[in-house]
PDB file of N, CA and C in Angstrom:
ATOM      1  N   MET A   1       0.854  -1.173   0.000  1.00  0.00           N
ATOM      2  CA  MET A   1       0.000   0.000   0.000  1.00  0.00           C
ATOM      3  C   MET A   1       0.901   1.237   0.000  1.00  0.00           C
ATOM      4  N   SER A   2       0.609   2.150  -0.886  1.00  0.00           N
ATOM      5  CA  SER A   2       1.412   3.373  -0.939  1.00  0.00           C
ATOM      6  C   SER A   2       0.759   4.450  -0.085  1.00  0.00           C
ATOM      7  N   GLN A   3       1.612   5.259   0.505  1.00  0.00           N
ATOM      8  CA  GLN A   3       1.118   6.382   1.287  1.00  0.00           C
ATOM      9  C   GLN A   3       1.335   7.641   0.466  1.00  0.00           C
ATOM     10  N   ARG A   4       0.434   8.542   0.577  1.00  0.00           N
ATOM     11  CA  ARG A   4       0.589   9.782  -0.160  1.00  0.00           C
ATOM     12  C   ARG A   4       0.130  10.951   0.701  1.00  0.00           C
ATOM     13  N   VAL A   5       0.576  12.099   0.315  1.00  0.00           N
ATOM     14  CA  VAL A   5       0.197  13.328   0.984  1.00  0.00           C
ATOM     15  C   VAL A   5      -0.659  14.121   0.016  1.00  0.00           C
ATOM     16  N   GLU A   6      -1.773  14.571   0.493  1.00  0.00           N
ATOM     17  CA  GLU A   6      -2.639  15.403  -0.334  1.00  0.00           C
ATOM     18  C   GLU A   6      -2.652  16.807   0.233  1.00  0.00           C
ATOM     19  N   TYR A   7      -2.640  17.763  -0.656  1.00  0.00           N
ATOM     20  CA  TYR A   7      -2.704  19.157  -0.227  1.00  0.00           C
ATOM     21  C   TYR A   7      -4.120  19.663  -0.432  1.00  0.00           C
ATOM     22  N   ASN A   8      -4.634  20.318   0.572  1.00  0.00           N
ATOM     23  CA  ASN A   8      -5.989  20.843   0.507  1.00  0.00           C
ATOM     24  C   ASN A   8      -5.918  22.366   0.665  1.00  0.00           C
ATOM     25  N   SER A   9      -6.119  23.096  -0.414  1.00  0.00           N
ATOM     26  CA  SER A   9      -6.016  24.558  -0.352  1.00  0.00           C
ATOM     27  C   SER A   9      -7.108  25.171   0.521  1.00  0.00           C
ATOM     28  N   LEU A  10      -8.221  24.477   0.665  1.00  0.00           N
ATOM     29  CA  LEU A  10      -9.277  24.976   1.543  1.00  0.00           C
ATOM     30  C   LEU A  10      -8.785  25.014   2.990  1.00  0.00           C
ATOM     31  N   ALA A  11      -7.986  24.030   3.374  1.00  0.00           N
ATOM     32  CA  ALA A  11      -7.437  24.019   4.729  1.00  0.00           C
ATOM     33  C   ALA A  11      -6.557  25.244   4.952  1.00  0.00           C
ATOM     34  N   ALA A  12      -5.755  25.583   3.963  1.00  0.00           N
ATOM     35  CA  ALA A  12      -4.914  26.779   4.084  1.00  0.00           C
ATOM     36  C   ALA A  12      -5.786  28.033   4.185  1.00  0.00           C
ATOM     37  N   ALA A  13      -6.826  28.080   3.396  1.00  0.00           N
ATOM     38  CA  ALA A  13      -7.722  29.243   3.431  1.00  0.00           C
ATOM     39  C   ALA A  13      -8.390  29.394   4.794  1.00  0.00           C
ATOM     40  N   LEU A  14      -8.602  28.287   5.476  1.00  0.00           N
ATOM     41  CA  LEU A  14      -9.189  28.336   6.815  1.00  0.00           C
ATOM     42  C   LEU A  14      -8.141  28.598   7.898  1.00  0.00           C
ATOM     43  N   MET A  15      -6.969  27.994   7.740  1.00  0.00           N
ATOM     44  CA  MET A  15      -5.968  28.050   8.794  1.00  0.00           C
ATOM     45  C   MET A  15      -5.150  29.334   8.817  1.00  0.00           C
ATOM     46  N   VAL A  16      -4.870  29.926   7.675  1.00  0.00           N
ATOM     47  CA  VAL A  16      -4.053  31.156   7.657  1.00  0.00           C
ATOM     48  C   VAL A  16      -4.713  32.258   8.493  1.00  0.00           C
ATOM     49  N   PRO A  17      -6.000  32.544   8.296  1.00  0.00           N
ATOM     50  CA  PRO A  17      -6.616  33.582   9.133  1.00  0.00           C
ATOM     51  C   PRO A  17      -6.596  33.225  10.627  1.00  0.00           C
ATOM     52  N   ARG A  18      -6.731  31.951  10.929  1.00  0.00           N
ATOM     53  CA  ARG A  18      -6.705  31.538  12.342  1.00  0.00           C
ATOM     54  C   ARG A  18      -5.330  31.789  12.963  1.00  0.00           C
ATOM     55  N   TRP A  19      -4.273  31.395  12.250  1.00  0.00           N
ATOM     56  CA  TRP A  19      -2.913  31.627  12.761  1.00  0.00           C
ATOM     57  C   TRP A  19      -2.636  33.119  12.853  1.00  0.00           C
ATOM     58  N   THR A  20      -3.094  33.881  11.871  1.00  0.00           N
ATOM     59  CA  THR A  20      -2.881  35.330  11.877  1.00  0.00           C
ATOM     60  C   THR A  20      -3.603  35.972  13.056  1.00  0.00           C
ATOM     61  N   THR A  21      -4.825  35.540  13.304  1.00  0.00           N
ATOM     62  CA  THR A  21      -5.593  36.048  14.445  1.00  0.00           C
ATOM     63  C   THR A  21      -4.917  35.682  15.758  1.00  0.00           C
ATOM     64  N   GLN A  22      -4.449  34.452  15.840  1.00  0.00           N
ATOM     65  CA  GLN A  22      -3.770  34.025  17.060  1.00  0.00           C
ATOM     66  C   GLN A  22      -2.517  34.874  17.301  1.00  0.00           C
ATOM     67  N   ALA A  23      -1.759  35.127  16.251  1.00  0.00           N
ATOM     68  CA  ALA A  23      -0.556  35.956  16.393  1.00  0.00           C
ATOM     69  C   ALA A  23      -0.926  37.349  16.889  1.00  0.00           C
ATOM     70  N   SER A  24      -1.987  37.918  16.339  1.00  0.00           N
ATOM     71  CA  SER A  24      -2.435  39.247  16.747  1.00  0.00           C
ATOM     72  C   SER A  24      -2.870  39.248  18.210  1.00  0.00           C
ATOM     73  N   GLN A  25      -3.610  38.236  18.610  1.00  0.00           N
ATOM     74  CA  GLN A  25      -4.060  38.146  19.998  1.00  0.00           C
ATOM     75  C   GLN A  25      -2.873  37.987  20.953  1.00  0.00           C
ATOM     76  N   LEU A  26      -1.879  37.223  20.529  1.00  0.00           N
ATOM     77  CA  LEU A  26      -0.696  37.045  21.370  1.00  0.00           C
ATOM     78  C   LEU A  26       0.107  38.336  21.477  1.00  0.00           C
ATOM     79  N   ARG A  27       0.186  39.115  20.387  1.00  0.00           N
ATOM     80  CA  ARG A  27       0.868  40.412  20.461  1.00  0.00           C
ATOM     81  C   ARG A  27       0.135  41.348  21.426  1.00  0.00           C
ATOM     82  N   THR A  28      -1.192  41.326  21.391  1.00  0.00           N
ATOM     83  CA  THR A  28      -1.985  42.136  22.321  1.00  0.00           C
ATOM     84  C   THR A  28      -1.733  41.692  23.759  1.00  0.00           C
ATOM     85  N   THR A  29      -1.695  40.394  23.968  1.00  0.00           N
ATOM     86  CA  THR A  29      -1.432  39.868  25.310  1.00  0.00           C
ATOM     87  C   THR A  29      -0.051  40.286  25.792  1.00  0.00           C
ATOM     88  N   THR A  30       0.939  40.226  24.890  1.00  0.00           N
ATOM     89  CA  THR A  30       2.291  40.652  25.250  1.00  0.00           C
ATOM     90  C   THR A  30       2.280  42.116  25.680  1.00  0.00           C
ATOM     91  N   SER A  31       1.587  42.938  24.926  1.00  0.00           N
ATOM     92  CA  SER A  31       1.487  44.361  25.251  1.00  0.00           C
ATOM     93  C   SER A  31       0.770  44.570  26.582  1.00  0.00           C
ATOM     94  N   ASP A  32      -0.303  43.826  26.806  1.00  0.00           N
ATOM     95  CA  ASP A  32      -1.045  43.933  28.070  1.00  0.00           C
ATOM     96  C   ASP A  32      -0.174  43.520  29.256  1.00  0.00           C
ATOM     97  N   LEU A  33       0.603  42.462  29.073  1.00  0.00           N
ATOM     98  CA  LEU A  33       1.501  42.026  30.146  1.00  0.00           C
ATOM     99  C   LEU A  33       2.565  43.077  30.422  1.00  0.00           C
ATOM    100  N   ASP A  34       3.037  43.723  29.371  1.00  0.00           N
ATOM    101  CA  ASP A  34       4.036  44.774  29.524  1.00  0.00           C
ATOM    102  C   ASP A  34       3.472  45.958  30.315  1.00  0.00           C
ATOM    103  N   ALA A  35       2.192  46.231  30.112  1.00  0.00           N
ATOM    104  CA  ALA A  35       1.556  47.370  30.776  1.00  0.00           C
ATOM    105  C   ALA A  35       1.031  47.026  32.174  1.00  0.00           C
ATOM    106  N   ALA A  36       1.037  45.732  32.527  1.00  0.00           N
ATOM    107  CA  ALA A  36       0.491  45.330  33.820  1.00  0.00           C
ATOM    108  C   ALA A  36       1.318  45.906  34.965  1.00  0.00           C
ATOM    109  N   SER A  37       0.619  46.312  35.975  1.00  0.00           N
ATOM    110  CA  SER A  37       1.278  46.922  37.131  1.00  0.00           C
ATOM    111  C   SER A  37       1.264  45.952  38.307  1.00  0.00           C
ATOM    112  N   THR A  38       2.336  46.007  39.057  1.00  0.00           N
ATOM    113  CA  THR A  38       2.406  45.216  40.291  1.00  0.00           C
ATOM    114  C   THR A  38       2.246  46.125  41.512  1.00  0.00           C
ATOM    115  N   SER A  39       1.881  47.382  41.282  1.00  0.00           N
ATOM    116  CA  SER A  39       1.827  48.362  42.375  1.00  0.00           C
ATOM    117  C   SER A  39       0.783  48.028  43.437  1.00  0.00           C
ATOM    118  N   GLY A  40      -0.251  47.304  43.084  1.00  0.00           N
ATOM    119  CA  GLY A  40      -1.294  46.966  44.059  1.00  0.00           C
ATOM    120  C   GLY A  40      -0.936  45.783  44.937  1.00  0.00           C
ATOM    121  N   LEU A  41       0.199  45.169  44.665  1.00  0.00           N
ATOM    122  CA  LEU A  41       0.614  43.991  45.437  1.00  0.00           C
ATOM    123  C   LEU A  41       1.476  44.412  46.621  1.00  0.00           C
ATOM    124  N   PRO A  42       1.538  43.565  47.625  1.00  0.00           N
ATOM    125  CA  PRO A  42       2.450  43.850  48.732  1.00  0.00           C
ATOM    126  C   PRO A  42       3.895  43.889  48.230  1.00  0.00           C
ATOM    127  N   ASP A  43       4.731  44.655  48.886  1.00  0.00           N
ATOM    128  CA  ASP A  43       6.133  44.779  48.485  1.00  0.00           C
ATOM    129  C   ASP A  43       6.819  43.425  48.348  1.00  0.00           C
ATOM    130  N   SER A  44       6.462  42.500  49.196  1.00  0.00           N
ATOM    131  CA  SER A  44       7.114  41.183  49.170  1.00  0.00           C
ATOM    132  C   SER A  44       6.770  40.386  47.905  1.00  0.00           C
ATOM    133  N   ALA A  45       5.721  40.777  47.188  1.00  0.00           N
ATOM    134  CA  ALA A  45       5.294  40.045  45.987  1.00  0.00           C
ATOM    135  C   ALA A  45       5.768  40.696  44.693  1.00  0.00           C
ATOM    136  N   HIS A  46       6.311  41.901  44.769  1.00  0.00           N
ATOM    137  CA  HIS A  46       6.697  42.619  43.549  1.00  0.00           C
ATOM    138  C   HIS A  46       7.715  41.852  42.713  1.00  0.00           C
ATOM    139  N   GLY A  47       8.743  41.318  43.339  1.00  0.00           N
ATOM    140  CA  GLY A  47       9.779  40.598  42.598  1.00  0.00           C
ATOM    141  C   GLY A  47       9.222  39.393  41.866  1.00  0.00           C
ATOM    142  N   ALA A  48       8.439  38.600  42.572  1.00  0.00           N
ATOM    143  CA  ALA A  48       7.853  37.394  41.956  1.00  0.00           C
ATOM    144  C   ALA A  48       6.876  37.770  40.859  1.00  0.00           C
ATOM    145  N   ALA A  49       6.075  38.799  41.099  1.00  0.00           N
ATOM    146  CA  ALA A  49       5.088  39.218  40.099  1.00  0.00           C
ATOM    147  C   ALA A  49       5.777  39.755  38.847  1.00  0.00           C
ATOM    148  N   THR A  50       6.838  40.528  39.053  1.00  0.00           N
ATOM    149  CA  THR A  50       7.584  41.064  37.909  1.00  0.00           C
ATOM    150  C   THR A  50       8.220  39.933  37.111  1.00  0.00           C
ATOM    151  N   THR A  51       8.798  38.963  37.804  1.00  0.00           N
ATOM    152  CA  THR A  51       9.381  37.798  37.121  1.00  0.00           C
ATOM    153  C   THR A  51       8.314  37.042  36.348  1.00  0.00           C
ATOM    154  N   PHE A  52       7.162  36.829  36.965  1.00  0.00           N
ATOM    155  CA  PHE A  52       6.055  36.139  36.320  1.00  0.00           C
ATOM    156  C   PHE A  52       5.636  36.871  35.042  1.00  0.00           C
ATOM    157  N   LEU A  53       5.443  38.189  35.143  1.00  0.00           N
ATOM    158  CA  LEU A  53       5.028  38.966  33.973  1.00  0.00           C
ATOM    159  C   LEU A  53       6.081  38.935  32.877  1.00  0.00           C
ATOM    160  N   ASP A  54       7.355  39.062  33.265  1.00  0.00           N
ATOM    161  CA  ASP A  54       8.438  39.025  32.277  1.00  0.00           C
ATOM    162  C   ASP A  54       8.500  37.685  31.560  1.00  0.00           C
ATOM    163  N   LEU A  55       8.358  36.596  32.315  1.00  0.00           N
ATOM    164  CA  LEU A  55       8.397  35.261  31.697  1.00  0.00           C
ATOM    165  C   LEU A  55       7.237  35.076  30.723  1.00  0.00           C
ATOM    166  N   TRP A  56       6.040  35.485  31.137  1.00  0.00           N
ATOM    167  CA  TRP A  56       4.890  35.320  30.264  1.00  0.00           C
ATOM    168  C   TRP A  56       4.955  36.235  29.048  1.00  0.00           C
ATOM    169  N   GLN A  57       5.563  37.401  29.213  1.00  0.00           N
ATOM    170  CA  GLN A  57       5.778  38.273  28.055  1.00  0.00           C
ATOM    171  C   GLN A  57       6.659  37.566  27.024  1.00  0.00           C
ATOM    172  N   GLY A  58       7.723  36.951  27.491  1.00  0.00           N
ATOM    173  CA  GLY A  58       8.612  36.225  26.587  1.00  0.00           C
ATOM    174  C   GLY A  58       7.902  35.076  25.892  1.00  0.00           C
ATOM    175  N   ILE A  59       7.085  34.355  26.643  1.00  0.00           N
ATOM    176  CA  ILE A  59       6.351  33.220  26.075  1.00  0.00           C
ATOM    177  C   ILE A  59       5.369  33.705  25.017  1.00  0.00           C
ATOM    178  N   THR A  60       4.609  34.740  25.316  1.00  0.00           N
ATOM    179  CA  THR A  60       3.617  35.210  24.345  1.00  0.00           C
ATOM    180  C   THR A  60       4.288  35.852  23.135  1.00  0.00           C
ATOM    181  N   ARG A  61       5.426  36.508  23.344  1.00  0.00           N
ATOM    182  CA  ARG A  61       6.158  37.098  22.214  1.00  0.00           C
ATOM    183  C   ARG A  61       6.645  35.994  21.274  1.00  0.00           C
ATOM    184  N   ARG A  62       7.265  34.958  21.829  1.00  0.00           N
ATOM    185  CA  ARG A  62       7.755  33.852  20.989  1.00  0.00           C
ATOM    186  C   ARG A  62       6.596  33.122  20.304  1.00  0.00           C
ATOM    187  N   ALA A  63       5.499  32.951  21.009  1.00  0.00           N
ATOM    188  CA  ALA A  63       4.338  32.275  20.421  1.00  0.00           C
ATOM    189  C   ALA A  63       3.737  33.099  19.288  1.00  0.00           C
ATOM    190  N   SER A  64       3.724  34.423  19.425  1.00  0.00           N
ATOM    191  CA  SER A  64       3.175  35.257  18.344  1.00  0.00           C
ATOM    192  C   SER A  64       4.058  35.170  17.102  1.00  0.00           C
ATOM    193  N   VAL A  65       5.362  35.134  17.303  1.00  0.00           N
ATOM    194  CA  VAL A  65       6.277  34.980  16.166  1.00  0.00           C
ATOM    195  C   VAL A  65       6.048  33.627  15.498  1.00  0.00           C
ATOM    196  N   ALA A  66       5.919  32.582  16.299  1.00  0.00           N
ATOM    197  CA  ALA A  66       5.679  31.244  15.741  1.00  0.00           C
ATOM    198  C   ALA A  66       4.376  31.213  14.949  1.00  0.00           C
ATOM    199  N   ALA A  67       3.327  31.821  15.471  1.00  0.00           N
ATOM    200  CA  ALA A  67       2.043  31.839  14.763  1.00  0.00           C
ATOM    201  C   ALA A  67       2.161  32.595  13.445  1.00  0.00           C
ATOM    202  N   ASP A  68       2.890  33.704  13.450  1.00  0.00           N
ATOM    203  CA  ASP A  68       3.113  34.447  12.196  1.00  0.00           C
ATOM    204  C   ASP A  68       3.896  33.597  11.196  1.00  0.00           C
ATOM    205  N   VAL A  69       4.890  32.884  11.675  1.00  0.00           N
ATOM    206  CA  VAL A  69       5.685  32.019  10.795  1.00  0.00           C
ATOM    207  C   VAL A  69       4.811  30.919  10.206  1.00  0.00           C
ATOM    208  N   TYR A  70       3.966  30.291  11.029  1.00  0.00           N
ATOM    209  CA  TYR A  70       3.088  29.239  10.515  1.00  0.00           C
ATOM    210  C   TYR A  70       2.164  29.799   9.435  1.00  0.00           C
ATOM    211  N   ALA A  71       1.590  30.971   9.685  1.00  0.00           N
ATOM    212  CA  ALA A  71       0.702  31.581   8.689  1.00  0.00           C
ATOM    213  C   ALA A  71       1.465  31.873   7.401  1.00  0.00           C
ATOM    214  N   ASP A  72       2.664  32.428   7.526  1.00  0.00           N
ATOM    215  CA  ASP A  72       3.474  32.732   6.338  1.00  0.00           C
ATOM    216  C   ASP A  72       3.839  31.466   5.572  1.00  0.00           C
ATOM    217  N   GLU A  73       4.196  30.420   6.283  1.00  0.00           N
ATOM    218  CA  GLU A  73       4.552  29.163   5.617  1.00  0.00           C
ATOM    219  C   GLU A  73       3.351  28.534   4.921  1.00  0.00           C
ATOM    220  N   LEU A  74       2.189  28.617   5.546  1.00  0.00           N
ATOM    221  CA  LEU A  74       0.974  28.111   4.890  1.00  0.00           C
ATOM    222  C   LEU A  74       0.670  28.899   3.623  1.00  0.00           C
ATOM    223  N   ARG A  75       0.807  30.224   3.700  1.00  0.00           N
ATOM    224  CA  ARG A  75       0.590  31.059   2.501  1.00  0.00           C
ATOM    225  C   ARG A  75       1.575  30.666   1.399  1.00  0.00           C
ATOM    226  N   SER A  76       2.824  30.512   1.768  1.00  0.00           N
ATOM    227  CA  SER A  76       3.859  30.159   0.801  1.00  0.00           C
ATOM    228  C   SER A  76       3.590  28.792   0.174  1.00  0.00           C
ATOM    229  N   THR A  77       3.219  27.830   1.006  1.00  0.00           N
ATOM    230  CA  THR A  77       2.906  26.495   0.498  1.00  0.00           C
ATOM    231  C   THR A  77       1.706  26.537  -0.435  1.00  0.00           C
ATOM    232  N   ASP A  78       0.698  27.296  -0.047  1.00  0.00           N
ATOM    233  CA  ASP A  78      -0.497  27.409  -0.882  1.00  0.00           C
ATOM    234  C   ASP A  78      -0.146  28.013  -2.232  1.00  0.00           C
ATOM    235  N   THR A  79       0.676  29.047  -2.238  1.00  0.00           N
ATOM    236  CA  THR A  79       1.100  29.677  -3.491  1.00  0.00           C
ATOM    237  C   THR A  79       1.897  28.695  -4.341  1.00  0.00           C
ATOM    238  N   SER A  80       2.796  27.952  -3.715  1.00  0.00           N
ATOM    239  CA  SER A  80       3.607  26.976  -4.454  1.00  0.00           C
ATOM    240  C   SER A  80       2.743  25.913  -5.111  1.00  0.00           C
ATOM    241  N   TYR A  81       1.787  25.381  -4.345  1.00  0.00           N
ATOM    242  CA  TYR A  81       0.905  24.361  -4.917  1.00  0.00           C
ATOM    243  C   TYR A  81       0.056  24.937  -6.043  1.00  0.00           C
ATOM    244  N   ALA A  82      -0.450  26.141  -5.864  1.00  0.00           N
ATOM    245  CA  ALA A  82      -1.261  26.767  -6.923  1.00  0.00           C
ATOM    246  C   ALA A  82      -0.422  26.980  -8.180  1.00  0.00           C
ATOM    247  N   ASP A  83       0.822  27.426  -8.003  1.00  0.00           N
ATOM    248  CA  ASP A  83       1.709  27.633  -9.151  1.00  0.00           C
ATOM    249  C   ASP A  83       2.009  26.314  -9.865  1.00  0.00           C
ATOM    250  N   ILE A  84       2.265  25.274  -9.079  1.00  0.00           N
ATOM    251  CA  ILE A  84       2.541  23.953  -9.668  1.00  0.00           C
ATOM    252  C   ILE A  84       1.314  23.439 -10.406  1.00  0.00           C
ATOM    253  N   ASP A  85       0.149  23.573  -9.792  1.00  0.00           N
ATOM    254  CA  ASP A  85      -1.091  23.129 -10.449  1.00  0.00           C
ATOM    255  C   ASP A  85      -1.321  23.883 -11.755  1.00  0.00           C
ATOM    256  N   ALA A  86      -1.080  25.176 -11.752  1.00  0.00           N
ATOM    257  CA  ALA A  86      -1.268  25.981 -12.967  1.00  0.00           C
ATOM    258  C   ALA A  86      -0.283  25.545 -14.051  1.00  0.00           C
ATOM    259  N   GLU A  87       0.946  25.276 -13.662  1.00  0.00           N
ATOM    260  CA  GLU A  87       1.951  24.833 -14.642  1.00  0.00           C
ATOM    261  C   GLU A  87       1.593  23.458 -15.211  1.00  0.00           C
ATOM    262  N   ILE A  88       1.125  22.564 -14.376  1.00  0.00           N
ATOM    263  CA  ILE A  88       0.707  21.242 -14.853  1.00  0.00           C
ATOM    264  C   ILE A  88      -0.474  21.387 -15.812  1.00  0.00           C
ATOM    265  N   ALA A  89      -1.429  22.223 -15.471  1.00  0.00           N
ATOM    266  CA  ALA A  89      -2.585  22.445 -16.345  1.00  0.00           C
ATOM    267  C   ALA A  89      -2.139  23.023 -17.683  1.00  0.00           C
ATOM    268  N   ARG A  90      -1.194  23.962 -17.644  1.00  0.00           N
ATOM    269  CA  ARG A  90      -0.679  24.554 -18.883  1.00  0.00           C
ATOM    270  C   ARG A  90      -0.022  23.488 -19.745  1.00  0.00           C
ATOM    271  N   ARG A  91       0.802  22.653 -19.147  1.00  0.00           N
ATOM    272  CA  ARG A  91       1.497  21.601 -19.904  1.00  0.00           C
ATOM    273  C   ARG A  91       0.522  20.549 -20.439  1.00  0.00           C
ATOM    274  N   MET A  92      -0.477  20.226 -19.656  1.00  0.00           N
ATOM    275  CA  MET A  92      -1.484  19.251 -20.116  1.00  0.00           C
ATOM    276  C   MET A  92      -2.244  19.821 -21.322  1.00  0.00           C
ATOM    277  N   ALA A  93      -2.534  21.106 -21.273  1.00  0.00           N
ATOM    278  CA  ALA A  93      -3.233  21.753 -22.408  1.00  0.00           C
ATOM    279  C   ALA A  93      -2.363  21.699 -23.643  1.00  0.00           C
ATOM    280  N   LEU A  94      -1.060  21.911 -23.473  1.00  0.00           N
ATOM    281  CA  LEU A  94      -0.131  21.811 -24.624  1.00  0.00           C
ATOM    282  C   LEU A  94      -0.113  20.395 -25.187  1.00  0.00           C
ATOM    283  N   LEU A  95      -0.106  19.411 -24.310  1.00  0.00           N
ATOM    284  CA  LEU A  95      -0.112  18.011 -24.758  1.00  0.00           C
ATOM    285  C   LEU A  95      -1.389  17.668 -25.527  1.00  0.00           C
ATOM    286  N   ARG A  96      -2.485  18.290 -25.131  1.00  0.00           N
ATOM    287  CA  ARG A  96      -3.760  18.044 -25.825  1.00  0.00           C
ATOM    288  C   ARG A  96      -3.890  18.905 -27.067  1.00  0.00           C
ATOM    289  N   GLY A  97      -2.875  19.717 -27.336  1.00  0.00           N
ATOM    290  CA  GLY A  97      -2.907  20.551 -28.523  1.00  0.00           C
ATOM    291  C   GLY A  97      -3.549  21.895 -28.309  1.00  0.00           C
ATOM    292  N   GLY A  98      -3.765  22.274 -27.061  1.00  0.00           N
ATOM    293  CA  GLY A  98      -4.389  23.564 -26.757  1.00  0.00           C
ATOM    294  C   GLY A  98      -3.348  24.661 -26.646  1.00  0.00           C
ATOM    295  N   ALA A  99      -3.804  25.831 -26.516  1.00  0.00           N
ATOM    296  CA  ALA A  99      -2.921  26.983 -26.336  1.00  0.00           C
ATOM    297  C   ALA A  99      -2.478  27.084 -24.904  1.00  0.00           C
ATOM    298  N   ALA A 100      -1.278  27.597 -24.692  1.00  0.00           N
ATOM    299  CA  ALA A 100      -0.751  27.736 -23.343  1.00  0.00           C
ATOM    300  C   ALA A 100      -1.159  29.053 -22.741  1.00  0.00           C
TER     301      ALA A 100
END
């Protein structure tokens, strides 16, 4: 039995906006964490709270970059497959005697 990979452009059309939205939401979260204040906490909690906020800022920043990369890669893959499909269709038309 042979295994094959099928590309579904509809999946890319659905997933790119989702990854893009996720990246945007993560950038907003990063900004919100940056603006968060620890002033309402007891002095003994400021260090831990600041560390917590800094760590989560880093996590959300890296996650937003990853989501943007996934969206970009999906767009690129979708374009590549569309270009390949168009080229195959053009060549098939030539083989059938049609115009390119």
